[in-house]
Each structure stands twice: as structure tokens, then as C-alpha cells.
Amino acid sequence: MGDYSKALECYQKGLKMREIALPPNHPSLATSYSNIGGVYNNMGDYSEALEFYEKSLKIKETALPPNHPDLAASHLNYASCYERMGDYMAALKALHSAFKIQQKRFEEGNPAFASTYSWFGRVYRNQKTLPERHPCFGISYSNIGDVHRLMGDYEKAFSFHRKALNIQENVQCNPLQCATTYVNLGETYRQMKDYSTALTYFEKGLKIREKKLPKNHPDLAIVYHNLAGLYLSTGQYNMAMKNVQQAVEIAQEKLPSTHPHLVDYRETFEKIRKKM
């Protein structure tokens, strides 16, 4: 076991120096608050931990872009604390916030997702207070299914996606979460070369997102890109080009020029262009 009192003393000394030398919204202060929160979390003083995590997150939200990995790390800190408190609903909410940021920031399969998925697993293993069909589980099952898709285990992917839809289509949930499951299912079917079924699910997801999101939302670009890949695989190059252009236009407006999604969309654009 670590010497928490000594760690806390050192972190607090560092914080006092930073509070004197730095402006109140400097990211280094957020780091200090997060470190102190981590010690309190390990000590089991969860109210103090949450207080410092909140101070850290407020600075990060002001000082950093909305899809910065450090914001995801803050939400993971919250998840850790809530999980230890036995507040699994709050832990799942924090995990979804972290996962959403990571999806926008990183390519599929990036190691950054590993910790998030591990916490999802831990929360599911320990939770005993939420009903099986609670809406929080719907999107979580979908995310787990997508992990199995990335690993090439399509049978398990389908199993978790069906669990997700069994909740999302029968319990009052956020429609956008249901749309995510439809898109995940569509991508699974596309990779299995069942293009007609993939198209059905992509269109279901797209219909919800087009209704609920602004026309230039990056989540729409994801579906357009998925559709472009599907049409490319089936030789429908005009439809592929139409969809990839929509994806690129949104991404160029809303994402940094080096964002992995924009890079992927441009690569797909070039593949389609060479086929036409």
C-alpha cells in the first residue's frame, strides 16, 4: 500500500506553488487537482476525490478542445470513483462520456480504448443494483459488441448488439444511442459482406441521426463514410462518391485537418475516384 498521506502532502505543496505562479485555468492546475483526487480515491475518501476531479474537469473543459484525450481521462477518473462507491449508473454515464470523446479522437483499435473497456467490464461484473433492461446497458452492450467486431468475432458482436437492441427498441432510451447500435450492426454486416442487411441498418441509423443532429455533425459523417465503403464494395461508385463527399465536407468543417476520421475519409475518396 502506498503512503497516501505523504503523497497528498507532496501534491498539495505542488498545487500551492502552481496556484501562486499560474492563472486559475492553467492545465497544470488541472493535473494537480486530478492527482490529489486520485489519492483521495485510493484512500476511500470519495467525496473529496469527486470534489478535486470536478475542479480538474472544469479547467480542462475551459482550456482544452472538446475531444482532447485529457477530458476522457477525467471522465474515467469519475467512473473509477463512482464504481468504488457502488454508484454503477453514474459510473456507466462517465464511461460513456469518455468513450464518446475517444471515438472522436482516435482510430478504431487504438490502445486508448483499452482502459475504458476494462472499466466497462468491471462495472458490469460488480453491478447488482440496476435492472437488466436499464437504458444504460443498451449502449454499453452495443459498444462491447463493436469491440468484438474489431476483433473479428462477429458471432459475439451480434450477440451483444442484439442485447442492446432488445433494450433500446423496447425501453425508453435516447434515440441516438439506438442509432449507434444500428450503425454498429451495419458495419458488422458490411464486414461480413452481407451488404443488403448492412444497408438496412445503416439507413436506420442515418434516419435517426439526420432527424436528431445538425446537418454538419461528425456522427453523420461516420455513417456517410460507412455507406461509401459499402457502395464501393458493391461497385456502385456514383453512390459511393456521393456519400464520401458528404463525409469529407462535414469532417473538413468540424474536425482538425489531421484527425484520423478525416484522413480515412480522404483515403476512401481517393479509392473511389480511381474506380470511376
C-alpha atoms as a PDB file:
ATOM      1  CA  MET A   1       0.000   0.000   0.000  1.00  0.00           C
ATOM      2  CA  GLY A   2       1.269   3.476  -0.841  1.00  0.00           C
ATOM      3  CA  ASP A   3       1.984   6.206   1.674  1.00  0.00           C
ATOM      4  CA  TYR A   4      -1.095   8.265   0.849  1.00  0.00           C
ATOM      5  CA  SER A   5      -0.556  10.932   3.492  1.00  0.00           C
ATOM      6  CA  LYS A   6       2.942  11.595   2.167  1.00  0.00           C
ATOM      7  CA  ALA A   7       1.708  11.618  -1.430  1.00  0.00           C
ATOM      8  CA  LEU A   8      -1.075  14.017  -0.506  1.00  0.00           C
ATOM      9  CA  GLU A   9       1.364  16.311   1.271  1.00  0.00           C
ATOM     10  CA  CYS A  10       3.634  16.464  -1.775  1.00  0.00           C
ATOM     11  CA  TYR A  11       0.792  17.012  -4.247  1.00  0.00           C
ATOM     12  CA  GLN A  12      -0.657  19.789  -2.072  1.00  0.00           C
ATOM     13  CA  LYS A  13       2.720  21.547  -1.892  1.00  0.00           C
ATOM     14  CA  GLY A  14       2.977  21.402  -5.663  1.00  0.00           C
ATOM     15  CA  LEU A  15      -0.572  22.707  -6.004  1.00  0.00           C
ATOM     16  CA  LYS A  16       0.131  25.724  -3.766  1.00  0.00           C
ATOM     17  CA  MET A  17       3.140  26.651  -5.910  1.00  0.00           C
ATOM     18  CA  ARG A  18       1.126  26.336  -9.116  1.00  0.00           C
ATOM     19  CA  GLU A  19      -1.784  28.350  -7.699  1.00  0.00           C
ATOM     20  CA  ILE A  20       0.630  31.211  -6.994  1.00  0.00           C
ATOM     21  CA  ALA A  21       2.530  31.044 -10.282  1.00  0.00           C
ATOM     22  CA  LEU A  22      -0.176  30.160 -12.798  1.00  0.00           C
ATOM     23  CA  PRO A  23      -3.518  31.575 -13.970  1.00  0.00           C
ATOM     24  CA  PRO A  24      -6.552  29.840 -12.436  1.00  0.00           C
ATOM     25  CA  ASN A  25      -7.466  27.952 -15.634  1.00  0.00           C
ATOM     26  CA  HIS A  26      -3.994  26.617 -16.426  1.00  0.00           C
ATOM     27  CA  PRO A  27      -3.938  22.890 -17.399  1.00  0.00           C
ATOM     28  CA  SER A  28      -1.159  22.214 -14.892  1.00  0.00           C
ATOM     29  CA  LEU A  29      -3.577  23.081 -12.101  1.00  0.00           C
ATOM     30  CA  ALA A  30      -5.987  20.540 -13.531  1.00  0.00           C
ATOM     31  CA  THR A  31      -3.219  17.945 -13.288  1.00  0.00           C
ATOM     32  CA  SER A  32      -2.610  18.796  -9.644  1.00  0.00           C
ATOM     33  CA  TYR A  33      -6.302  18.589  -8.796  1.00  0.00           C
ATOM     34  CA  SER A  34      -6.564  15.262 -10.591  1.00  0.00           C
ATOM     35  CA  ASN A  35      -3.544  13.855  -8.744  1.00  0.00           C
ATOM     36  CA  ILE A  36      -4.977  14.885  -5.379  1.00  0.00           C
ATOM     37  CA  GLY A  37      -8.345  13.436  -6.358  1.00  0.00           C
ATOM     38  CA  GLY A  38      -6.615  10.170  -7.200  1.00  0.00           C
ATOM     39  CA  VAL A  39      -5.043   9.945  -3.761  1.00  0.00           C
ATOM     40  CA  TYR A  40      -8.380  10.567  -2.043  1.00  0.00           C
ATOM     41  CA  ASN A  41      -9.963   7.965  -4.321  1.00  0.00           C
ATOM     42  CA  ASN A  42      -7.346   5.398  -3.274  1.00  0.00           C
ATOM     43  CA  MET A  43      -7.875   6.355   0.372  1.00  0.00           C
ATOM     44  CA  GLY A  44     -11.606   5.721   0.042  1.00  0.00           C
ATOM     45  CA  ASP A  45     -12.498   9.373   0.657  1.00  0.00           C
ATOM     46  CA  TYR A  46     -14.750   9.547  -2.381  1.00  0.00           C
ATOM     47  CA  SER A  47     -16.469  12.859  -1.674  1.00  0.00           C
ATOM     48  CA  GLU A  48     -13.084  14.606  -1.539  1.00  0.00           C
ATOM     49  CA  ALA A  49     -11.960  12.737  -4.641  1.00  0.00           C
ATOM     50  CA  LEU A  50     -15.023  13.854  -6.612  1.00  0.00           C
ATOM     51  CA  GLU A  51     -14.526  17.441  -5.471  1.00  0.00           C
ATOM     52  CA  PHE A  52     -10.984  17.542  -6.861  1.00  0.00           C
ATOM     53  CA  TYR A  53     -11.922  15.638 -10.015  1.00  0.00           C
ATOM     54  CA  GLU A  54     -14.615  18.244 -10.634  1.00  0.00           C
ATOM     55  CA  LYS A  55     -12.110  21.096 -10.228  1.00  0.00           C
ATOM     56  CA  SER A  56      -9.805  19.378 -12.695  1.00  0.00           C
ATOM     57  CA  LEU A  57     -12.550  18.760 -15.249  1.00  0.00           C
ATOM     58  CA  LYS A  58     -13.803  22.353 -15.127  1.00  0.00           C
ATOM     59  CA  ILE A  59     -10.355  23.661 -16.029  1.00  0.00           C
ATOM     60  CA  LYS A  60      -9.915  21.106 -18.813  1.00  0.00           C
ATOM     61  CA  GLU A  61     -13.303  21.960 -20.297  1.00  0.00           C
ATOM     62  CA  THR A  62     -12.234  25.600 -20.437  1.00  0.00           C
ATOM     63  CA  ALA A  63      -8.633  25.155 -21.549  1.00  0.00           C
ATOM     64  CA  LEU A  64      -8.819  22.185 -23.923  1.00  0.00           C
ATOM     65  CA  PRO A  65     -10.708  21.335 -27.130  1.00  0.00           C
ATOM     66  CA  PRO A  66     -13.846  19.219 -26.549  1.00  0.00           C
ATOM     67  CA  ASN A  67     -12.329  15.991 -27.911  1.00  0.00           C
ATOM     68  CA  HIS A  68      -9.000  16.200 -26.067  1.00  0.00           C
ATOM     69  CA  PRO A  69      -7.873  12.864 -24.535  1.00  0.00           C
ATOM     70  CA  ASP A  70      -7.334  14.503 -21.142  1.00  0.00           C
ATOM     71  CA  LEU A  71     -11.079  15.118 -20.924  1.00  0.00           C
ATOM     72  CA  ALA A  72     -11.685  11.416 -21.478  1.00  0.00           C
ATOM     73  CA  ALA A  73      -9.184  10.706 -18.694  1.00  0.00           C
ATOM     74  CA  SER A  74     -11.179  12.928 -16.340  1.00  0.00           C
ATOM     75  CA  HIS A  75     -14.368  11.016 -17.070  1.00  0.00           C
ATOM     76  CA  LEU A  76     -12.512   7.751 -16.435  1.00  0.00           C
ATOM     77  CA  ASN A  77     -11.447   9.129 -13.055  1.00  0.00           C
ATOM     78  CA  TYR A  78     -15.094   9.812 -12.271  1.00  0.00           C
ATOM     79  CA  ALA A  79     -16.001   6.291 -13.381  1.00  0.00           C
ATOM     80  CA  SER A  80     -13.368   4.793 -11.103  1.00  0.00           C
ATOM     81  CA  CYS A  81     -14.635   6.737  -8.127  1.00  0.00           C
ATOM     82  CA  TYR A  82     -18.316   6.012  -8.750  1.00  0.00           C
ATOM     83  CA  GLU A  83     -17.609   2.316  -9.313  1.00  0.00           C
ATOM     84  CA  ARG A  84     -15.887   2.089  -5.939  1.00  0.00           C
ATOM     85  CA  MET A  85     -18.823   3.900  -4.353  1.00  0.00           C
ATOM     86  CA  GLY A  86     -21.185   1.348  -5.886  1.00  0.00           C
ATOM     87  CA  ASP A  87     -22.955   4.009  -7.966  1.00  0.00           C
ATOM     88  CA  TYR A  88     -22.881   1.997 -11.168  1.00  0.00           C
ATOM     89  CA  MET A  89     -25.309   4.183 -13.062  1.00  0.00           C
ATOM     90  CA  ALA A  90     -23.055   7.216 -12.571  1.00  0.00           C
ATOM     91  CA  ALA A  91     -20.005   5.106 -13.445  1.00  0.00           C
ATOM     92  CA  LEU A  92     -21.582   3.986 -16.720  1.00  0.00           C
ATOM     93  CA  LYS A  93     -22.532   7.558 -17.566  1.00  0.00           C
ATOM     94  CA  ALA A  94     -18.939   8.689 -17.027  1.00  0.00           C
ATOM     95  CA  LEU A  95     -17.621   5.784 -19.098  1.00  0.00           C
ATOM     96  CA  HIS A  96     -19.900   6.682 -21.987  1.00  0.00           C
ATOM     97  CA  SER A  97     -18.632  10.276 -21.848  1.00  0.00           C
ATOM     98  CA  ALA A  98     -15.041   9.044 -22.023  1.00  0.00           C
ATOM     99  CA  PHE A  99     -15.825   6.586 -24.814  1.00  0.00           C
ATOM    100  CA  LYS A 100     -17.575   9.243 -26.899  1.00  0.00           C
ATOM    101  CA  ILE A 101     -14.523  11.523 -26.720  1.00  0.00           C
ATOM    102  CA  GLN A 102     -12.159   8.673 -27.606  1.00  0.00           C
ATOM    103  CA  GLN A 103     -14.284   7.686 -30.606  1.00  0.00           C
ATOM    104  CA  LYS A 104     -13.954  11.193 -31.989  1.00  0.00           C
ATOM    105  CA  ARG A 105     -10.248  11.409 -31.253  1.00  0.00           C
ATOM    106  CA  PHE A 106      -8.784   8.005 -32.068  1.00  0.00           C
ATOM    107  CA  GLU A 107      -8.943   5.414 -34.806  1.00  0.00           C
ATOM    108  CA  GLU A 108     -10.606   2.064 -34.163  1.00  0.00           C
ATOM    109  CA  GLY A 109      -8.379  -0.308 -32.215  1.00  0.00           C
ATOM    110  CA  ASN A 110      -6.307   2.435 -30.598  1.00  0.00           C
ATOM    111  CA  PRO A 111      -4.880   1.277 -27.222  1.00  0.00           C
ATOM    112  CA  ALA A 112      -6.528   4.305 -25.603  1.00  0.00           C
ATOM    113  CA  PHE A 113      -9.796   2.366 -25.631  1.00  0.00           C
ATOM    114  CA  ALA A 114      -8.372  -0.498 -23.559  1.00  0.00           C
ATOM    115  CA  SER A 115      -8.782   1.184 -20.177  1.00  0.00           C
ATOM    116  CA  THR A 116     -12.314   2.288 -20.987  1.00  0.00           C
ATOM    117  CA  TYR A 117     -13.388  -1.205 -21.992  1.00  0.00           C
ATOM    118  CA  SER A 118     -11.740  -2.636 -18.878  1.00  0.00           C
ATOM    119  CA  TRP A 119     -13.795  -0.291 -16.720  1.00  0.00           C
ATOM    120  CA  PHE A 120     -16.959  -1.212 -18.599  1.00  0.00           C
ATOM    121  CA  GLY A 121     -16.203  -4.838 -17.789  1.00  0.00           C
ATOM    122  CA  ARG A 122     -15.501  -4.085 -14.156  1.00  0.00           C
ATOM    123  CA  VAL A 123     -18.720  -2.126 -13.706  1.00  0.00           C
ATOM    124  CA  TYR A 124     -20.779  -4.879 -15.338  1.00  0.00           C
ATOM    125  CA  ARG A 125     -19.093  -7.525 -13.221  1.00  0.00           C
ATOM    126  CA  ASN A 126     -19.818  -5.703  -9.974  1.00  0.00           C
ATOM    127  CA  GLN A 127     -23.162  -4.056 -10.599  1.00  0.00           C
ATOM    128  CA  LYS A 128     -26.127  -5.629  -8.873  1.00  0.00           C
ATOM    129  CA  THR A 129     -28.409  -2.636  -8.433  1.00  0.00           C
ATOM    130  CA  LEU A 130     -29.631  -1.807 -11.954  1.00  0.00           C
ATOM    131  CA  PRO A 131     -32.338  -3.832 -13.686  1.00  0.00           C
ATOM    132  CA  GLU A 132     -31.157  -5.917 -16.624  1.00  0.00           C
ATOM    133  CA  ARG A 133     -33.091  -3.774 -19.099  1.00  0.00           C
ATOM    134  CA  HIS A 134     -31.922  -0.417 -17.777  1.00  0.00           C
ATOM    135  CA  PRO A 135     -31.262   2.029 -20.657  1.00  0.00           C
ATOM    136  CA  CYS A 136     -27.631   2.447 -19.555  1.00  0.00           C
ATOM    137  CA  PHE A 137     -26.948  -1.133 -20.594  1.00  0.00           C
ATOM    138  CA  GLY A 138     -28.183  -0.680 -24.141  1.00  0.00           C
ATOM    139  CA  ILE A 139     -25.352   1.477 -25.467  1.00  0.00           C
ATOM    140  CA  SER A 140     -22.833  -0.409 -23.321  1.00  0.00           C
ATOM    141  CA  TYR A 141     -23.789  -3.722 -24.916  1.00  0.00           C
ATOM    142  CA  SER A 142     -23.500  -2.053 -28.304  1.00  0.00           C
ATOM    143  CA  ASN A 143     -20.016  -0.755 -27.519  1.00  0.00           C
ATOM    144  CA  ILE A 144     -18.901  -4.169 -26.305  1.00  0.00           C
ATOM    145  CA  GLY A 145     -20.320  -5.696 -29.471  1.00  0.00           C
ATOM    146  CA  ASP A 146     -18.266  -3.291 -31.512  1.00  0.00           C
ATOM    147  CA  VAL A 147     -15.121  -4.410 -29.705  1.00  0.00           C
ATOM    148  CA  HIS A 148     -15.849  -7.995 -30.747  1.00  0.00           C
ATOM    149  CA  ARG A 149     -16.394  -6.771 -34.317  1.00  0.00           C
ATOM    150  CA  LEU A 150     -12.972  -5.132 -34.294  1.00  0.00           C
ATOM    151  CA  MET A 151     -11.521  -8.430 -33.069  1.00  0.00           C
ATOM    152  CA  GLY A 152     -13.266 -10.284 -35.892  1.00  0.00           C
ATOM    153  CA  ASP A 153     -15.556 -12.244 -33.557  1.00  0.00           C
ATOM    154  CA  TYR A 154     -18.797 -11.488 -35.398  1.00  0.00           C
ATOM    155  CA  GLU A 155     -20.890 -14.042 -33.506  1.00  0.00           C
ATOM    156  CA  LYS A 156     -20.193 -12.328 -30.188  1.00  0.00           C
ATOM    157  CA  ALA A 157     -20.629  -8.934 -31.815  1.00  0.00           C
ATOM    158  CA  PHE A 158     -24.119  -9.897 -32.963  1.00  0.00           C
ATOM    159  CA  SER A 159     -24.943 -11.295 -29.530  1.00  0.00           C
ATOM    160  CA  PHE A 160     -24.170  -8.018 -27.777  1.00  0.00           C
ATOM    161  CA  HIS A 161     -25.812  -5.878 -30.464  1.00  0.00           C
ATOM    162  CA  ARG A 162     -28.999  -7.933 -30.107  1.00  0.00           C
ATOM    163  CA  LYS A 163     -28.891  -7.437 -26.327  1.00  0.00           C
ATOM    164  CA  ALA A 164     -28.551  -3.717 -26.966  1.00  0.00           C
ATOM    165  CA  LEU A 165     -31.477  -3.546 -29.372  1.00  0.00           C
ATOM    166  CA  ASN A 166     -33.631  -5.685 -27.105  1.00  0.00           C
ATOM    167  CA  ILE A 167     -33.346  -2.857 -24.583  1.00  0.00           C
ATOM    168  CA  GLN A 168     -33.243   0.138 -26.914  1.00  0.00           C
ATOM    169  CA  GLU A 169     -36.216  -0.876 -29.050  1.00  0.00           C
ATOM    170  CA  ASN A 170     -38.409  -1.774 -26.073  1.00  0.00           C
ATOM    171  CA  VAL A 171     -37.419   0.646 -23.305  1.00  0.00           C
ATOM    172  CA  GLN A 172     -37.451   4.420 -23.463  1.00  0.00           C
ATOM    173  CA  CYS A 173     -33.877   5.296 -24.471  1.00  0.00           C
ATOM    174  CA  ASN A 174     -32.032   8.103 -26.190  1.00  0.00           C
ATOM    175  CA  PRO A 175     -32.786   7.524 -29.910  1.00  0.00           C
ATOM    176  CA  LEU A 176     -29.213   8.453 -30.791  1.00  0.00           C
ATOM    177  CA  GLN A 177     -27.946   5.508 -28.751  1.00  0.00           C
ATOM    178  CA  CYS A 178     -30.219   3.209 -30.723  1.00  0.00           C
ATOM    179  CA  ALA A 179     -28.850   4.794 -33.901  1.00  0.00           C
ATOM    180  CA  THR A 180     -25.325   3.926 -32.769  1.00  0.00           C
ATOM    181  CA  THR A 181     -26.321   0.279 -32.368  1.00  0.00           C
ATOM    182  CA  TYR A 182     -27.873   0.252 -35.837  1.00  0.00           C
ATOM    183  CA  VAL A 183     -24.678   1.710 -37.315  1.00  0.00           C
ATOM    184  CA  ASN A 184     -22.500  -0.770 -35.400  1.00  0.00           C
ATOM    185  CA  LEU A 185     -24.654  -3.639 -36.648  1.00  0.00           C
ATOM    186  CA  GLY A 186     -24.480  -2.291 -40.179  1.00  0.00           C
ATOM    187  CA  GLU A 187     -20.698  -2.183 -40.058  1.00  0.00           C
ATOM    188  CA  THR A 188     -20.594  -5.750 -38.732  1.00  0.00           C
ATOM    189  CA  TYR A 189     -22.764  -6.989 -41.599  1.00  0.00           C
ATOM    190  CA  ARG A 190     -20.704  -4.960 -44.090  1.00  0.00           C
ATOM    191  CA  GLN A 191     -17.503  -6.609 -42.947  1.00  0.00           C
ATOM    192  CA  MET A 192     -19.205  -9.977 -43.351  1.00  0.00           C
ATOM    193  CA  LYS A 193     -20.157  -8.918 -46.909  1.00  0.00           C
ATOM    194  CA  ASP A 194     -23.892  -9.096 -46.187  1.00  0.00           C
ATOM    195  CA  TYR A 195     -24.377  -5.784 -47.931  1.00  0.00           C
ATOM    196  CA  SER A 196     -28.177  -5.721 -48.154  1.00  0.00           C
ATOM    197  CA  THR A 197     -28.586  -6.231 -44.402  1.00  0.00           C
ATOM    198  CA  ALA A 198     -25.783  -3.757 -43.716  1.00  0.00           C
ATOM    199  CA  LEU A 199     -27.555  -1.149 -45.840  1.00  0.00           C
ATOM    200  CA  THR A 200     -30.793  -1.665 -43.911  1.00  0.00           C
ATOM    201  CA  TYR A 201     -29.110  -0.938 -40.593  1.00  0.00           C
ATOM    202  CA  PHE A 202     -27.037   1.965 -41.907  1.00  0.00           C
ATOM    203  CA  GLU A 203     -30.195   3.587 -43.232  1.00  0.00           C
ATOM    204  CA  LYS A 204     -31.991   3.082 -39.901  1.00  0.00           C
ATOM    205  CA  GLY A 205     -29.125   4.723 -38.037  1.00  0.00           C
ATOM    206  CA  LEU A 206     -28.803   7.523 -40.578  1.00  0.00           C
ATOM    207  CA  LYS A 207     -32.520   8.316 -40.447  1.00  0.00           C
ATOM    208  CA  ILE A 208     -32.369   8.885 -36.687  1.00  0.00           C
ATOM    209  CA  ARG A 209     -29.163  10.915 -36.814  1.00  0.00           C
ATOM    210  CA  GLU A 210     -30.398  13.110 -39.649  1.00  0.00           C
ATOM    211  CA  LYS A 211     -33.532  13.813 -37.624  1.00  0.00           C
ATOM    212  CA  LYS A 212     -31.799  14.466 -34.300  1.00  0.00           C
ATOM    213  CA  LEU A 213     -28.464  16.061 -35.244  1.00  0.00           C
ATOM    214  CA  PRO A 214     -27.327  19.193 -37.095  1.00  0.00           C
ATOM    215  CA  LYS A 215     -26.568  18.609 -40.774  1.00  0.00           C
ATOM    216  CA  ASN A 216     -22.836  19.073 -40.213  1.00  0.00           C
ATOM    217  CA  HIS A 217     -22.484  16.812 -37.168  1.00  0.00           C
ATOM    218  CA  PRO A 218     -19.434  14.478 -37.297  1.00  0.00           C
ATOM    219  CA  ASP A 219     -21.595  11.485 -36.354  1.00  0.00           C
ATOM    220  CA  LEU A 220     -23.408  11.894 -39.666  1.00  0.00           C
ATOM    221  CA  ALA A 221     -20.064  11.814 -41.467  1.00  0.00           C
ATOM    222  CA  ILE A 222     -19.343   8.419 -39.905  1.00  0.00           C
ATOM    223  CA  VAL A 223     -22.483   6.911 -41.428  1.00  0.00           C
ATOM    224  CA  TYR A 224     -21.877   8.541 -44.813  1.00  0.00           C
ATOM    225  CA  HIS A 225     -18.385   7.068 -44.811  1.00  0.00           C
ATOM    226  CA  ASN A 226     -19.720   3.644 -43.867  1.00  0.00           C
ATOM    227  CA  LEU A 227     -22.199   3.858 -46.738  1.00  0.00           C
ATOM    228  CA  ALA A 228     -19.421   4.925 -49.093  1.00  0.00           C
ATOM    229  CA  GLY A 229     -17.450   1.820 -48.150  1.00  0.00           C
ATOM    230  CA  LEU A 230     -20.482  -0.362 -48.719  1.00  0.00           C
ATOM    231  CA  TYR A 231     -21.208   1.103 -52.152  1.00  0.00           C
ATOM    232  CA  LEU A 232     -17.534   0.848 -53.069  1.00  0.00           C
ATOM    233  CA  SER A 233     -17.617  -2.866 -52.235  1.00  0.00           C
ATOM    234  CA  THR A 234     -20.711  -3.399 -54.377  1.00  0.00           C
ATOM    235  CA  GLY A 235     -19.368  -1.433 -57.336  1.00  0.00           C
ATOM    236  CA  GLN A 236     -21.893   1.421 -57.025  1.00  0.00           C
ATOM    237  CA  TYR A 237     -19.256   4.080 -57.454  1.00  0.00           C
ATOM    238  CA  ASN A 238     -21.542   7.069 -58.017  1.00  0.00           C
ATOM    239  CA  MET A 239     -23.379   6.385 -54.770  1.00  0.00           C
ATOM    240  CA  ALA A 240     -20.056   5.759 -53.038  1.00  0.00           C
ATOM    241  CA  MET A 241     -18.701   9.095 -54.247  1.00  0.00           C
ATOM    242  CA  LYS A 242     -21.842  10.963 -53.184  1.00  0.00           C
ATOM    243  CA  ASN A 243     -21.596   9.628 -49.643  1.00  0.00           C
ATOM    244  CA  VAL A 244     -17.863  10.028 -49.187  1.00  0.00           C
ATOM    245  CA  GLN A 245     -18.069  13.630 -50.392  1.00  0.00           C
ATOM    246  CA  GLN A 246     -20.667  14.314 -47.715  1.00  0.00           C
ATOM    247  CA  ALA A 247     -18.397  12.733 -45.113  1.00  0.00           C
ATOM    248  CA  VAL A 248     -15.365  14.739 -46.227  1.00  0.00           C
ATOM    249  CA  GLU A 249     -17.300  18.029 -46.328  1.00  0.00           C
ATOM    250  CA  ILE A 250     -18.544  17.615 -42.762  1.00  0.00           C
ATOM    251  CA  ALA A 251     -15.163  16.468 -41.449  1.00  0.00           C
ATOM    252  CA  GLN A 252     -13.313  19.348 -43.123  1.00  0.00           C
ATOM    253  CA  GLU A 253     -15.669  21.777 -41.420  1.00  0.00           C
ATOM    254  CA  LYS A 254     -15.816  20.196 -37.972  1.00  0.00           C
ATOM    255  CA  LEU A 255     -12.582  18.245 -37.419  1.00  0.00           C
ATOM    256  CA  PRO A 256      -8.859  19.156 -37.346  1.00  0.00           C
ATOM    257  CA  SER A 257      -7.013  18.512 -40.616  1.00  0.00           C
ATOM    258  CA  THR A 258      -5.013  15.684 -39.024  1.00  0.00           C
ATOM    259  CA  HIS A 259      -7.980  13.936 -37.407  1.00  0.00           C
ATOM    260  CA  PRO A 260      -7.916  10.170 -38.120  1.00  0.00           C
ATOM    261  CA  HIS A 261     -11.511  10.193 -39.392  1.00  0.00           C
ATOM    262  CA  LEU A 262     -10.793  12.906 -41.938  1.00  0.00           C
ATOM    263  CA  VAL A 263      -7.672  11.052 -43.066  1.00  0.00           C
ATOM    264  CA  ASP A 264      -9.741   7.878 -43.526  1.00  0.00           C
ATOM    265  CA  TYR A 265     -12.445   9.718 -45.449  1.00  0.00           C
ATOM    266  CA  ARG A 266      -9.922  11.237 -47.840  1.00  0.00           C
ATOM    267  CA  GLU A 267      -8.292   7.861 -48.421  1.00  0.00           C
ATOM    268  CA  THR A 268     -11.685   6.357 -49.248  1.00  0.00           C
ATOM    269  CA  PHE A 269     -12.391   9.281 -51.564  1.00  0.00           C
ATOM    270  CA  GLU A 270      -9.205   8.529 -53.497  1.00  0.00           C
ATOM    271  CA  LYS A 271     -10.046   4.812 -53.722  1.00  0.00           C
ATOM    272  CA  ILE A 272     -13.455   5.623 -55.175  1.00  0.00           C
ATOM    273  CA  ARG A 273     -12.098   8.268 -57.531  1.00  0.00           C
ATOM    274  CA  LYS A 274      -9.659   5.749 -59.021  1.00  0.00           C
ATOM    275  CA  LYS A 275     -12.534   3.334 -59.676  1.00  0.00           C
ATOM    276  CA  MET A 276     -14.631   5.851 -61.595  1.00  0.00           C
END
